[in-house]
Amino acid sequence: MSTSPDHPSPSIPPFMDPAEITGLGEVIWCDVRWYITGRDGHRAYVEGHVPGAVHVDLDRLAGAPDEGRGRHPLPTPEDLADYLSSLGISGRVPVVAYDDMGGLVAARLVWMLRTLGVDATLLNGGLGAWEGPVETGEVEIEPARFEVRAWPTDRLADVLEVEELSRMISNGTDTEVTIVDVRAPARYRGEEEMIDPRAGHIPGAVNIPVASKLDGDRRVPDPAALAAHYREHGVDRADGVIVSCGSGVTACHDLLAMEHAGLGLGRLYPGSWSEWCSDPSRPVAGGAAT
């Protein structure tokens, strides 16, 4: 596969309602159900999904788990291209992804594709927003050819940059970049940790829980309300933000939401807390942000 250096801006918004999606014409539906509890997402897909949807394995949207790089490191461009091709995704037909958690998992696929210049969107509200029929069983997939596209470095932050930024913030130095941790408050404060070896958060990071912007139907509000939500938390532009979560998955939902709000494009820290806490020499903070 050849490498494409061009990453054009997507022409569709990051979140769309069912009626808006109908207006897109041909799309590729992707069911990205996955559960940190170990529940089988593929089984849930087989039991009922949007007609024609292909099942996407979150673990195939990551490289091999690596203690030094976190639980869901980004895959190599070559591995990602191979997997997307096997799903029938060429990058030329818009992709609509969903899960049953308001898009918190499916956001990983949508963010990856949009970052690589592909038209991709989340079904706002997830599977619960789908009002049409569902089908069971597997879907026959016609493989496509997705060209290898390099990850744009300006959309990512590595652990060395986050370490330096954390030190500066902890020392009281004014910075133009904010580290946003979107995990649940109890995990951020270090009161509980069921997944990773250490509890707490990156020193200097602020907490904006990913679920705090969702309504009772797990939908994101309109762009103006989203922008107000982030501004209430001190974020008025995304290009000054690095977003972190547990392993670089749910952070993608906030990056998409910031884009949807008109705040621009933020950066993902792919390793997130699972990478940060794997090295005992890295400091850990607890409690609420000061």
Protein backbone atom coordinates (compact mmCIF):
# COMPACT_ATOMS: atom_id res chain seq x y z
CA MET A 1 0.00 0.00 0.00
CA SER A 2 1.24 3.47 -0.81
CA THR A 3 1.42 6.25 1.76
CA SER A 4 -0.81 9.28 1.32
CA PRO A 5 0.58 12.51 2.82
CA ASP A 6 -2.67 14.39 2.34
CA HIS A 7 -5.03 14.70 5.30
CA PRO A 8 -7.85 16.97 4.13
CA SER A 9 -10.36 18.34 6.62
CA PRO A 10 -13.52 16.21 6.89
CA SER A 11 -16.60 17.72 5.26
CA ILE A 12 -19.11 16.40 7.81
CA PRO A 13 -19.44 17.22 11.53
CA PRO A 14 -18.18 14.88 14.26
CA PHE A 15 -21.70 14.19 15.62
CA MET A 16 -24.84 13.72 13.55
CA ASP A 17 -28.47 12.78 14.22
CA PRO A 18 -30.16 9.94 12.29
CA ALA A 19 -32.06 12.35 10.01
CA GLU A 20 -28.84 14.14 9.11
CA ILE A 21 -27.10 10.86 8.36
CA THR A 22 -29.87 9.92 5.94
CA GLY A 23 -28.90 12.94 3.88
CA LEU A 24 -25.37 11.62 3.40
CA GLY A 25 -26.45 8.89 1.00
CA GLU A 26 -24.11 5.91 0.96
CA VAL A 27 -22.30 5.38 4.28
CA ILE A 28 -20.44 2.59 6.04
CA TRP A 29 -22.00 1.82 9.42
CA CYS A 30 -19.57 0.65 12.11
CA ASP A 31 -20.63 -0.97 15.37
CA VAL A 32 -17.81 -0.39 17.87
CA ARG A 33 -19.28 -1.93 21.00
CA TRP A 34 -16.60 -2.92 23.50
CA TYR A 35 -16.74 -3.25 27.27
CA ILE A 36 -14.00 -2.74 29.81
CA THR A 37 -15.84 -5.25 32.04
CA GLY A 38 -15.01 -8.04 29.60
CA ARG A 39 -18.52 -8.36 28.16
CA ASP A 40 -18.34 -9.56 24.56
CA GLY A 41 -18.97 -6.63 22.21
CA HIS A 42 -19.04 -8.87 19.16
CA ARG A 43 -21.76 -11.00 20.70
CA ALA A 44 -23.81 -7.87 21.38
CA TYR A 45 -23.37 -6.93 17.73
CA VAL A 46 -24.51 -10.34 16.48
CA GLU A 47 -27.62 -10.12 18.66
CA GLY A 48 -28.70 -6.88 17.01
CA HIS A 49 -27.14 -4.02 15.06
CA VAL A 50 -27.95 -1.28 12.55
CA PRO A 51 -28.63 -3.04 9.24
CA GLY A 52 -25.47 -3.43 7.22
CA ALA A 53 -23.15 -2.36 10.04
CA VAL A 54 -19.78 -4.06 10.34
CA HIS A 55 -18.37 -4.88 13.74
CA VAL A 56 -15.17 -3.07 14.68
CA ASP A 57 -12.91 -4.51 17.37
CA LEU A 58 -11.53 -1.69 19.52
CA ASP A 59 -8.43 -3.73 20.26
CA ARG A 60 -7.67 -3.79 16.51
CA LEU A 61 -7.71 0.03 16.57
CA ALA A 62 -4.63 -0.16 18.79
CA GLY A 63 -1.19 -1.62 18.74
CA ALA A 64 -0.27 -4.50 21.01
CA PRO A 65 -0.71 -3.61 24.70
CA ASP A 66 2.60 -2.37 26.02
CA GLU A 67 3.30 -1.48 29.64
CA GLY A 68 5.55 1.31 28.49
CA ARG A 69 3.06 2.79 25.99
CA GLY A 70 -0.27 2.07 27.66
CA ARG A 71 -3.18 -0.28 27.11
CA HIS A 72 -4.31 1.04 23.73
CA PRO A 73 -1.33 2.59 21.91
CA LEU A 74 -2.00 3.80 18.40
CA PRO A 75 -1.47 1.11 15.76
CA THR A 76 1.12 1.55 13.06
CA PRO A 77 -0.28 3.23 9.94
CA GLU A 78 0.29 -0.03 8.06
CA ASP A 79 -1.60 -2.18 10.57
CA LEU A 80 -4.47 0.29 10.70
CA ALA A 81 -4.72 0.43 6.90
CA ASP A 82 -4.83 -3.37 6.74
CA TYR A 83 -7.60 -3.58 9.33
CA LEU A 84 -9.70 -0.80 7.81
CA SER A 85 -9.35 -2.42 4.40
CA SER A 86 -10.63 -5.72 5.84
CA LEU A 87 -13.71 -3.85 7.12
CA GLY A 88 -14.50 -2.47 3.68
CA ILE A 89 -13.38 1.05 4.59
CA SER A 90 -11.57 2.79 1.75
CA GLY A 91 -11.68 6.34 3.07
CA ARG A 92 -13.81 7.45 0.13
CA VAL A 93 -17.24 6.64 1.62
CA PRO A 94 -18.35 8.38 4.84
CA VAL A 95 -18.21 6.28 8.01
CA VAL A 96 -20.87 6.43 10.73
CA ALA A 97 -19.90 4.78 14.01
CA TYR A 98 -21.82 4.01 17.18
CA ASP A 99 -21.78 2.00 20.39
CA ASP A 100 -24.26 1.78 23.25
CA MET A 101 -22.48 4.25 25.52
CA GLY A 102 -23.13 7.50 23.73
CA GLY A 103 -20.12 7.04 21.46
CA LEU A 104 -17.51 6.95 24.23
CA VAL A 105 -15.85 3.92 22.62
CA ALA A 106 -16.78 4.48 18.96
CA ALA A 107 -15.18 7.93 19.22
CA ARG A 108 -11.78 6.26 18.91
CA LEU A 109 -12.54 5.11 15.37
CA VAL A 110 -14.14 8.40 14.34
CA TRP A 111 -11.28 10.49 15.74
CA MET A 112 -8.68 8.30 14.03
CA LEU A 113 -10.43 8.51 10.68
CA ARG A 114 -11.06 12.27 10.87
CA THR A 115 -7.45 12.82 11.90
CA LEU A 116 -6.43 10.97 8.74
CA GLY A 117 -8.72 13.12 6.59
CA VAL A 118 -11.66 10.72 6.25
CA ASP A 119 -15.30 11.78 6.52
CA ALA A 120 -16.46 10.08 9.71
CA THR A 121 -19.07 10.90 12.33
CA LEU A 122 -20.65 9.53 15.49
CA LEU A 123 -24.34 8.71 15.66
CA ASN A 124 -25.25 11.22 18.37
CA GLY A 125 -26.67 9.25 21.28
CA GLY A 126 -25.32 5.94 20.05
CA LEU A 127 -27.41 2.87 19.32
CA GLY A 128 -30.15 4.20 21.59
CA ALA A 129 -30.78 7.00 19.10
CA TRP A 130 -31.38 4.57 16.24
CA GLU A 131 -35.11 4.39 15.52
CA GLY A 132 -35.01 2.01 12.58
CA PRO A 133 -35.00 -1.79 12.49
CA VAL A 134 -32.04 -3.87 13.60
CA GLU A 135 -30.66 -7.05 12.12
CA THR A 136 -28.91 -10.00 13.69
CA GLY A 137 -25.98 -12.13 12.68
CA GLU A 138 -22.91 -11.26 10.66
CA VAL A 139 -22.62 -9.01 7.62
CA GLU A 140 -20.74 -10.07 4.51
CA ILE A 141 -17.91 -7.60 3.99
CA GLU A 142 -16.37 -6.71 0.66
CA PRO A 143 -12.75 -5.72 1.42
CA ALA A 144 -11.58 -2.32 0.24
CA ARG A 145 -8.22 -0.61 -0.10
CA PHE A 146 -7.37 1.97 2.51
CA GLU A 147 -4.09 3.71 1.71
CA VAL A 148 -1.49 3.96 4.43
CA ARG A 149 -1.62 7.43 5.98
CA ALA A 150 0.93 8.64 8.52
CA TRP A 151 -0.28 9.93 11.87
CA PRO A 152 -0.05 13.75 11.85
CA THR A 153 2.30 14.66 14.69
CA ASP A 154 0.52 17.96 15.32
CA ARG A 155 -2.54 16.05 16.58
CA LEU A 156 -0.62 14.01 19.14
CA ALA A 157 1.34 14.58 22.35
CA ASP A 158 3.91 12.09 23.64
CA VAL A 159 4.83 11.32 27.21
CA LEU A 160 7.99 13.45 27.15
CA GLU A 161 6.00 16.56 26.27
CA VAL A 162 3.39 15.76 28.90
CA GLU A 163 6.12 15.23 31.51
CA GLU A 164 7.66 18.61 30.77
CA LEU A 165 4.30 20.35 30.74
CA SER A 166 3.33 18.71 34.03
CA ARG A 167 6.57 19.90 35.65
CA MET A 168 6.01 23.45 34.43
CA ILE A 169 2.43 23.57 35.71
CA SER A 170 3.45 22.03 39.04
CA ASN A 171 6.18 24.66 39.41
CA GLY A 172 3.70 27.46 38.83
CA THR A 173 4.95 28.33 35.37
CA ASP A 174 2.35 29.83 33.08
CA THR A 175 1.78 27.60 30.06
CA GLU A 176 -0.32 27.96 26.96
CA VAL A 177 -1.34 24.31 27.09
CA THR A 178 -3.75 22.58 29.48
CA ILE A 179 -3.74 18.86 30.24
CA VAL A 180 -7.35 17.70 30.43
CA ASP A 181 -8.13 14.37 32.12
CA VAL A 182 -11.61 13.13 31.16
CA ARG A 183 -11.83 10.13 33.49
CA ALA A 184 -14.50 9.87 36.17
CA PRO A 185 -13.85 12.15 39.17
CA ALA A 186 -13.18 9.29 41.61
CA ARG A 187 -10.45 7.90 39.38
CA TYR A 188 -8.98 11.36 38.79
CA ARG A 189 -8.87 12.02 42.54
CA GLY A 190 -7.24 8.64 43.15
CA GLU A 191 -10.09 7.35 45.29
CA GLU A 192 -10.50 4.27 43.14
CA GLU A 193 -8.61 2.51 40.37
CA MET A 194 -9.84 -0.82 39.04
CA ILE A 195 -7.71 -1.05 35.89
CA ASP A 196 -4.27 0.50 36.16
CA PRO A 197 -1.55 -0.22 38.75
CA ARG A 198 -1.57 3.23 40.37
CA ALA A 199 -4.35 5.64 41.27
CA GLY A 200 -4.43 9.40 40.85
CA HIS A 201 -3.75 11.77 38.00
CA ILE A 202 -0.98 13.53 36.12
CA PRO A 203 0.15 16.48 38.26
CA GLY A 204 -1.26 19.68 36.82
CA ALA A 205 -4.05 18.03 34.85
CA VAL A 206 -7.59 19.36 35.20
CA ASN A 207 -10.62 17.09 35.30
CA ILE A 208 -13.49 17.45 32.82
CA PRO A 209 -15.34 14.11 33.08
CA VAL A 210 -16.27 12.78 29.66
CA ALA A 211 -19.85 12.03 30.74
CA SER A 212 -20.42 15.52 32.14
CA LYS A 213 -21.40 16.88 28.73
CA LEU A 214 -23.93 14.16 27.90
CA ASP A 215 -27.66 14.43 28.52
CA GLY A 216 -29.92 11.66 29.85
CA ASP A 217 -30.02 10.05 26.41
CA ARG A 218 -26.22 10.13 26.17
CA ARG A 219 -26.30 12.79 23.49
CA VAL A 220 -24.01 15.79 23.21
CA PRO A 221 -25.83 19.13 23.14
CA ASP A 222 -25.72 21.66 20.31
CA PRO A 223 -22.37 23.33 19.52
CA ALA A 224 -23.14 26.52 21.48
CA ALA A 225 -23.98 24.56 24.63
CA LEU A 226 -20.89 22.40 24.17
CA ALA A 227 -18.69 25.49 23.86
CA ALA A 228 -20.24 26.90 27.05
CA HIS A 229 -19.55 23.60 28.82
CA TYR A 230 -15.85 23.74 28.01
CA ARG A 231 -15.53 27.43 28.77
CA GLU A 232 -17.01 26.78 32.22
CA HIS A 233 -14.04 24.46 32.72
CA GLY A 234 -11.53 27.01 31.48
CA VAL A 235 -11.16 25.74 27.91
CA ASP A 236 -11.95 28.28 25.21
CA ARG A 237 -9.83 26.85 22.40
CA ALA A 238 -8.84 23.28 21.70
CA ASP A 239 -5.44 24.01 20.18
CA GLY A 240 -4.23 24.74 23.69
CA VAL A 241 -5.39 21.38 25.06
CA ILE A 242 -3.90 17.89 25.41
CA VAL A 243 -6.61 15.37 26.29
CA SER A 244 -5.93 12.27 28.36
CA CYS A 245 -8.09 9.46 29.75
CA GLY A 246 -7.36 5.90 30.84
CA SER A 247 -5.83 4.58 27.63
CA GLY A 248 -6.53 7.08 24.85
CA VAL A 249 -10.06 5.96 23.97
CA THR A 250 -12.68 8.12 25.69
CA ALA A 251 -10.41 11.16 25.33
CA CYS A 252 -11.27 11.00 21.63
CA HIS A 253 -14.91 11.75 22.48
CA ASP A 254 -13.92 15.08 24.02
CA LEU A 255 -11.62 15.93 21.15
CA LEU A 256 -14.54 15.39 18.78
CA ALA A 257 -16.85 17.39 21.04
CA MET A 258 -14.43 20.33 21.16
CA GLU A 259 -14.26 20.27 17.38
CA HIS A 260 -18.08 20.08 17.19
CA ALA A 261 -18.28 23.07 19.54
CA GLY A 262 -16.21 25.15 17.14
CA LEU A 263 -13.22 25.32 19.50
CA GLY A 264 -10.80 23.83 17.00
CA LEU A 265 -8.61 20.74 17.10
CA GLY A 266 -6.97 19.55 20.28
CA ARG A 267 -4.32 16.88 20.74
CA LEU A 268 -4.54 13.34 22.05
CA TYR A 269 -2.12 11.85 24.56
CA PRO A 270 -2.46 8.25 23.30
CA GLY A 271 -0.79 6.54 26.26
CA SER A 272 -2.83 8.53 28.76
CA TRP A 273 -2.96 7.39 32.39
CA SER A 274 -2.10 3.76 31.56
CA GLU A 275 1.24 4.88 30.16
CA TRP A 276 1.92 7.60 32.72
CA CYS A 277 1.39 5.43 35.80
CA SER A 278 3.40 2.49 34.43
CA ASP A 279 6.68 4.22 35.31
CA PRO A 280 7.14 4.47 39.12
CA SER A 281 9.46 7.44 38.67
CA ARG A 282 6.64 9.62 37.33
CA PRO A 283 4.89 11.62 40.03
CA VAL A 284 1.21 11.06 40.75
CA ALA A 285 -1.24 13.59 42.18
CA GLY A 286 -4.39 12.85 44.15
CA GLY A 287 -7.43 14.78 45.25
CA ALA A 288 -9.13 17.60 43.41
CA ALA A 289 -7.18 20.01 41.22
CA THR A 290 -5.99 23.14 42.99
